[in-house]
Amino acid sequence: AVMARHNSNFVIVARTDALGINGLDDAIRRAESYADAGADVLYVEAPRTTEEIETIAGRLGHRAPLLINMGEGGKTPIIAANTLAEIGYSIIAYPSTLFIPMIEGMKKGLEKIHSQQFQDDKKILSVIDMAEMLNLDRWIKIDQDIPAG
């Protein structure tokens, strides 16, 4: 991937899932190999304890920026972002933190559709409010400024 990269803005995140199968030392050895090969970010998936999280940071943090996944209900204990930063993680993914409440909102919307109850609900954003909140005008301009092809 490093040799095939044509754009210096393209970031290569090297992930290993070896920890759960082969143990911490093998996962770290693999991540070290990724760093040696030129990976920009190292990601050891699913540390199971705070000690493993700290060991990964201690052994790899000097090699490249580290990514950690804080997914509720996963194998990794949830730790505050500022603590993770102090330990040595620069990138923290929260894959389900927004996704779970989003699904709950969709479920409520589907229940409205099913029950045919479309009365004005002040808890739901209007399309205009949503566009403003997402700064949609800015994103449309960015999209228009990108050359085609």
C-alpha atoms as a PDB file:
ATOM      1  CA  ALA A   1       0.000   0.000   0.000  1.00  0.00           C
ATOM      2  CA  VAL A   2       2.855   2.384   0.814  1.00  0.00           C
ATOM      3  CA  MET A   3       4.540   1.721  -2.532  1.00  0.00           C
ATOM      4  CA  ALA A   4       1.242   2.150  -4.403  1.00  0.00           C
ATOM      5  CA  ARG A   5       0.412   5.458  -2.724  1.00  0.00           C
ATOM      6  CA  HIS A   6       0.367   8.333  -5.223  1.00  0.00           C
ATOM      7  CA  ASN A   7      -0.897  11.081  -2.938  1.00  0.00           C
ATOM      8  CA  SER A   8       0.901  12.156   0.227  1.00  0.00           C
ATOM      9  CA  ASN A   9      -2.477  13.039   1.778  1.00  0.00           C
ATOM     10  CA  PHE A  10      -3.553   9.392   1.598  1.00  0.00           C
ATOM     11  CA  VAL A  11      -3.158   7.948   5.089  1.00  0.00           C
ATOM     12  CA  ILE A  12      -2.454   4.256   5.529  1.00  0.00           C
ATOM     13  CA  VAL A  13      -3.927   2.826   8.723  1.00  0.00           C
ATOM     14  CA  ALA A  14      -2.462  -0.598   9.434  1.00  0.00           C
ATOM     15  CA  ARG A  15      -4.758  -2.797  11.507  1.00  0.00           C
ATOM     16  CA  THR A  16      -4.089  -6.106  13.144  1.00  0.00           C
ATOM     17  CA  ASP A  17      -6.705  -8.385  14.683  1.00  0.00           C
ATOM     18  CA  ALA A  18      -4.049 -10.823  15.887  1.00  0.00           C
ATOM     19  CA  LEU A  19      -4.420  -9.957  19.569  1.00  0.00           C
ATOM     20  CA  GLY A  20      -7.511 -12.132  20.072  1.00  0.00           C
ATOM     21  CA  ILE A  21      -5.988 -15.141  18.311  1.00  0.00           C
ATOM     22  CA  ASN A  22      -2.226 -14.949  18.826  1.00  0.00           C
ATOM     23  CA  GLY A  23      -1.890 -12.672  21.839  1.00  0.00           C
ATOM     24  CA  LEU A  24      -0.541  -9.235  22.607  1.00  0.00           C
ATOM     25  CA  ASP A  25       3.113  -9.819  21.735  1.00  0.00           C
ATOM     26  CA  ASP A  26       2.281 -11.086  18.242  1.00  0.00           C
ATOM     27  CA  ALA A  27      -0.139  -8.213  17.622  1.00  0.00           C
ATOM     28  CA  ILE A  28       2.525  -5.694  18.635  1.00  0.00           C
ATOM     29  CA  ARG A  29       5.141  -7.468  16.488  1.00  0.00           C
ATOM     30  CA  ARG A  30       2.807  -7.214  13.504  1.00  0.00           C
ATOM     31  CA  ALA A  31       2.135  -3.526  14.164  1.00  0.00           C
ATOM     32  CA  GLU A  32       5.900  -2.928  14.390  1.00  0.00           C
ATOM     33  CA  SER A  33       6.254  -4.578  10.984  1.00  0.00           C
ATOM     34  CA  TYR A  34       3.568  -2.262   9.613  1.00  0.00           C
ATOM     35  CA  ALA A  35       5.470   0.743  10.972  1.00  0.00           C
ATOM     36  CA  ASP A  36       8.688  -0.571   9.405  1.00  0.00           C
ATOM     37  CA  ALA A  37       6.844  -0.863   6.082  1.00  0.00           C
ATOM     38  CA  GLY A  38       5.773   2.797   6.299  1.00  0.00           C
ATOM     39  CA  ALA A  39       2.243   2.714   7.710  1.00  0.00           C
ATOM     40  CA  ASP A  40       1.087   6.132   8.882  1.00  0.00           C
ATOM     41  CA  VAL A  41      -1.164   4.953  11.733  1.00  0.00           C
ATOM     42  CA  LEU A  42      -1.092   1.752  13.796  1.00  0.00           C
ATOM     43  CA  TYR A  43      -4.241   0.052  15.036  1.00  0.00           C
ATOM     44  CA  VAL A  44      -4.235  -3.011  17.284  1.00  0.00           C
ATOM     45  CA  GLU A  45      -7.859  -4.126  17.405  1.00  0.00           C
ATOM     46  CA  ALA A  46      -9.665  -5.167  20.573  1.00  0.00           C
ATOM     47  CA  PRO A  47      -7.341  -4.796  23.544  1.00  0.00           C
ATOM     48  CA  ARG A  48      -9.253  -6.409  26.402  1.00  0.00           C
ATOM     49  CA  THR A  49      -7.837  -4.608  29.425  1.00  0.00           C
ATOM     50  CA  THR A  50      -6.510  -1.209  30.418  1.00  0.00           C
ATOM     51  CA  GLU A  51      -3.110  -2.864  30.846  1.00  0.00           C
ATOM     52  CA  GLU A  52      -3.150  -4.072  27.224  1.00  0.00           C
ATOM     53  CA  ILE A  53      -4.157  -0.571  26.066  1.00  0.00           C
ATOM     54  CA  GLU A  54      -1.231   0.921  27.987  1.00  0.00           C
ATOM     55  CA  THR A  55       1.215  -1.742  26.791  1.00  0.00           C
ATOM     56  CA  ILE A  56       0.286  -1.157  23.155  1.00  0.00           C
ATOM     57  CA  ALA A  57       0.815   2.587  23.566  1.00  0.00           C
ATOM     58  CA  GLY A  58       4.073   2.105  25.446  1.00  0.00           C
ATOM     59  CA  ARG A  59       5.549  -0.243  22.861  1.00  0.00           C
ATOM     60  CA  LEU A  60       4.187   1.363  19.678  1.00  0.00           C
ATOM     61  CA  GLY A  61       3.481   5.015  20.420  1.00  0.00           C
ATOM     62  CA  HIS A  62       6.967   6.124  19.417  1.00  0.00           C
ATOM     63  CA  ARG A  63       6.646   4.371  16.027  1.00  0.00           C
ATOM     64  CA  ALA A  64       3.543   6.075  14.590  1.00  0.00           C
ATOM     65  CA  PRO A  65       0.261   7.652  15.698  1.00  0.00           C
ATOM     66  CA  LEU A  66      -2.020   5.101  17.347  1.00  0.00           C
ATOM     67  CA  LEU A  67      -5.714   4.494  16.726  1.00  0.00           C
ATOM     68  CA  ILE A  68      -8.031   2.882  19.262  1.00  0.00           C
ATOM     69  CA  ASN A  69     -11.655   1.867  18.947  1.00  0.00           C
ATOM     70  CA  MET A  70     -14.045   2.798  21.774  1.00  0.00           C
ATOM     71  CA  GLY A  71     -17.104   0.802  20.755  1.00  0.00           C
ATOM     72  CA  GLU A  72     -19.708   0.321  23.445  1.00  0.00           C
ATOM     73  CA  GLY A  73     -20.388  -3.364  23.955  1.00  0.00           C
ATOM     74  CA  GLY A  74     -17.044  -4.393  22.464  1.00  0.00           C
ATOM     75  CA  LYS A  75     -14.109  -6.167  24.078  1.00  0.00           C
ATOM     76  CA  THR A  76     -12.157  -2.989  24.804  1.00  0.00           C
ATOM     77  CA  PRO A  77     -12.912  -1.148  28.056  1.00  0.00           C
ATOM     78  CA  ILE A  78     -14.269   2.365  27.490  1.00  0.00           C
ATOM     79  CA  ILE A  79     -11.753   4.977  28.596  1.00  0.00           C
ATOM     80  CA  ALA A  80     -12.135   8.770  28.467  1.00  0.00           C
ATOM     81  CA  ALA A  81     -10.595  10.488  25.448  1.00  0.00           C
ATOM     82  CA  ASN A  82      -8.310  12.695  27.524  1.00  0.00           C
ATOM     83  CA  THR A  83      -6.941   9.638  29.339  1.00  0.00           C
ATOM     84  CA  LEU A  84      -6.345   7.844  26.040  1.00  0.00           C
ATOM     85  CA  ALA A  85      -4.518  10.910  24.727  1.00  0.00           C
ATOM     86  CA  GLU A  86      -2.334  10.948  27.849  1.00  0.00           C
ATOM     87  CA  ILE A  87      -1.563   7.248  27.347  1.00  0.00           C
ATOM     88  CA  GLY A  88      -0.490   7.956  23.756  1.00  0.00           C
ATOM     89  CA  TYR A  89      -3.446   7.494  21.400  1.00  0.00           C
ATOM     90  CA  SER A  90      -3.968  10.217  18.795  1.00  0.00           C
ATOM     91  CA  ILE A  91      -7.032   8.842  17.010  1.00  0.00           C
ATOM     92  CA  ILE A  92     -10.070   7.509  18.860  1.00  0.00           C
ATOM     93  CA  ALA A  93     -12.927   5.909  16.929  1.00  0.00           C
ATOM     94  CA  TYR A  94     -16.412   5.850  18.434  1.00  0.00           C
ATOM     95  CA  PRO A  95     -18.207   3.559  15.969  1.00  0.00           C
ATOM     96  CA  SER A  96     -21.419   3.038  17.889  1.00  0.00           C
ATOM     97  CA  THR A  97     -21.698   6.152  20.050  1.00  0.00           C
ATOM     98  CA  LEU A  98     -23.687   7.999  17.382  1.00  0.00           C
ATOM     99  CA  PHE A  99     -24.941   4.943  15.551  1.00  0.00           C
ATOM    100  CA  ILE A 100     -26.990   3.448  18.412  1.00  0.00           C
ATOM    101  CA  PRO A 101     -29.072   6.604  19.101  1.00  0.00           C
ATOM    102  CA  MET A 102     -29.439   7.075  15.339  1.00  0.00           C
ATOM    103  CA  ILE A 103     -31.006   3.623  15.068  1.00  0.00           C
ATOM    104  CA  GLU A 104     -33.367   4.483  17.939  1.00  0.00           C
ATOM    105  CA  GLY A 105     -34.407   7.629  16.059  1.00  0.00           C
ATOM    106  CA  MET A 106     -34.994   5.639  12.876  1.00  0.00           C
ATOM    107  CA  LYS A 107     -37.056   3.127  14.824  1.00  0.00           C
ATOM    108  CA  LYS A 108     -39.283   5.953  16.107  1.00  0.00           C
ATOM    109  CA  GLY A 109     -39.605   7.309  12.579  1.00  0.00           C
ATOM    110  CA  LEU A 110     -40.576   3.903  11.224  1.00  0.00           C
ATOM    111  CA  GLU A 111     -43.146   3.544  14.010  1.00  0.00           C
ATOM    112  CA  LYS A 112     -44.662   6.883  12.860  1.00  0.00           C
ATOM    113  CA  ILE A 113     -44.824   5.632   9.290  1.00  0.00           C
ATOM    114  CA  HIS A 114     -46.393   2.366  10.383  1.00  0.00           C
ATOM    115  CA  SER A 115     -49.000   4.059  12.565  1.00  0.00           C
ATOM    116  CA  GLN A 116     -49.641   6.821  10.010  1.00  0.00           C
ATOM    117  CA  GLN A 117     -49.258   9.418  12.801  1.00  0.00           C
ATOM    118  CA  PHE A 118     -47.606  12.369  11.071  1.00  0.00           C
ATOM    119  CA  GLN A 119     -48.652  15.183  13.385  1.00  0.00           C
ATOM    120  CA  ASP A 120     -46.225  18.064  13.862  1.00  0.00           C
ATOM    121  CA  ASP A 121     -43.512  16.860  16.199  1.00  0.00           C
ATOM    122  CA  LYS A 122     -41.325  19.595  17.679  1.00  0.00           C
ATOM    123  CA  LYS A 123     -38.701  16.979  18.622  1.00  0.00           C
ATOM    124  CA  ILE A 124     -37.877  16.405  14.958  1.00  0.00           C
ATOM    125  CA  LEU A 125     -35.733  18.860  13.022  1.00  0.00           C
ATOM    126  CA  SER A 126     -37.154  20.444   9.913  1.00  0.00           C
ATOM    127  CA  VAL A 127     -35.266  19.925   6.666  1.00  0.00           C
ATOM    128  CA  ILE A 128     -34.126  23.565   6.849  1.00  0.00           C
ATOM    129  CA  ASP A 129     -32.916  23.161  10.452  1.00  0.00           C
ATOM    130  CA  MET A 130     -31.082  19.980   9.491  1.00  0.00           C
ATOM    131  CA  ALA A 131     -29.366  21.674   6.517  1.00  0.00           C
ATOM    132  CA  GLU A 132     -28.242  24.542   8.751  1.00  0.00           C
ATOM    133  CA  MET A 133     -27.006  22.202  11.481  1.00  0.00           C
ATOM    134  CA  LEU A 134     -24.992  20.167   8.954  1.00  0.00           C
ATOM    135  CA  ASN A 135     -23.672  23.337   7.283  1.00  0.00           C
ATOM    136  CA  LEU A 136     -24.977  21.913   4.021  1.00  0.00           C
ATOM    137  CA  ASP A 137     -24.313  25.090   1.993  1.00  0.00           C
ATOM    138  CA  ARG A 138     -20.600  24.790   2.789  1.00  0.00           C
ATOM    139  CA  TRP A 139     -20.495  21.135   1.715  1.00  0.00           C
ATOM    140  CA  ILE A 140     -22.350  21.869  -1.507  1.00  0.00           C
ATOM    141  CA  LYS A 141     -19.797  24.588  -2.316  1.00  0.00           C
ATOM    142  CA  ILE A 142     -16.887  22.240  -1.572  1.00  0.00           C
ATOM    143  CA  ASP A 143     -18.444  19.629  -3.851  1.00  0.00           C
ATOM    144  CA  GLN A 144     -18.906  22.188  -6.646  1.00  0.00           C
ATOM    145  CA  ASP A 145     -15.286  23.361  -6.314  1.00  0.00           C
ATOM    146  CA  ILE A 146     -13.870  19.860  -6.846  1.00  0.00           C
ATOM    147  CA  PRO A 147     -12.915  19.354 -10.491  1.00  0.00           C
ATOM    148  CA  ALA A 148     -14.773  16.525 -12.215  1.00  0.00           C
ATOM    149  CA  GLY A 149     -12.867  13.447 -13.287  1.00  0.00           C
END
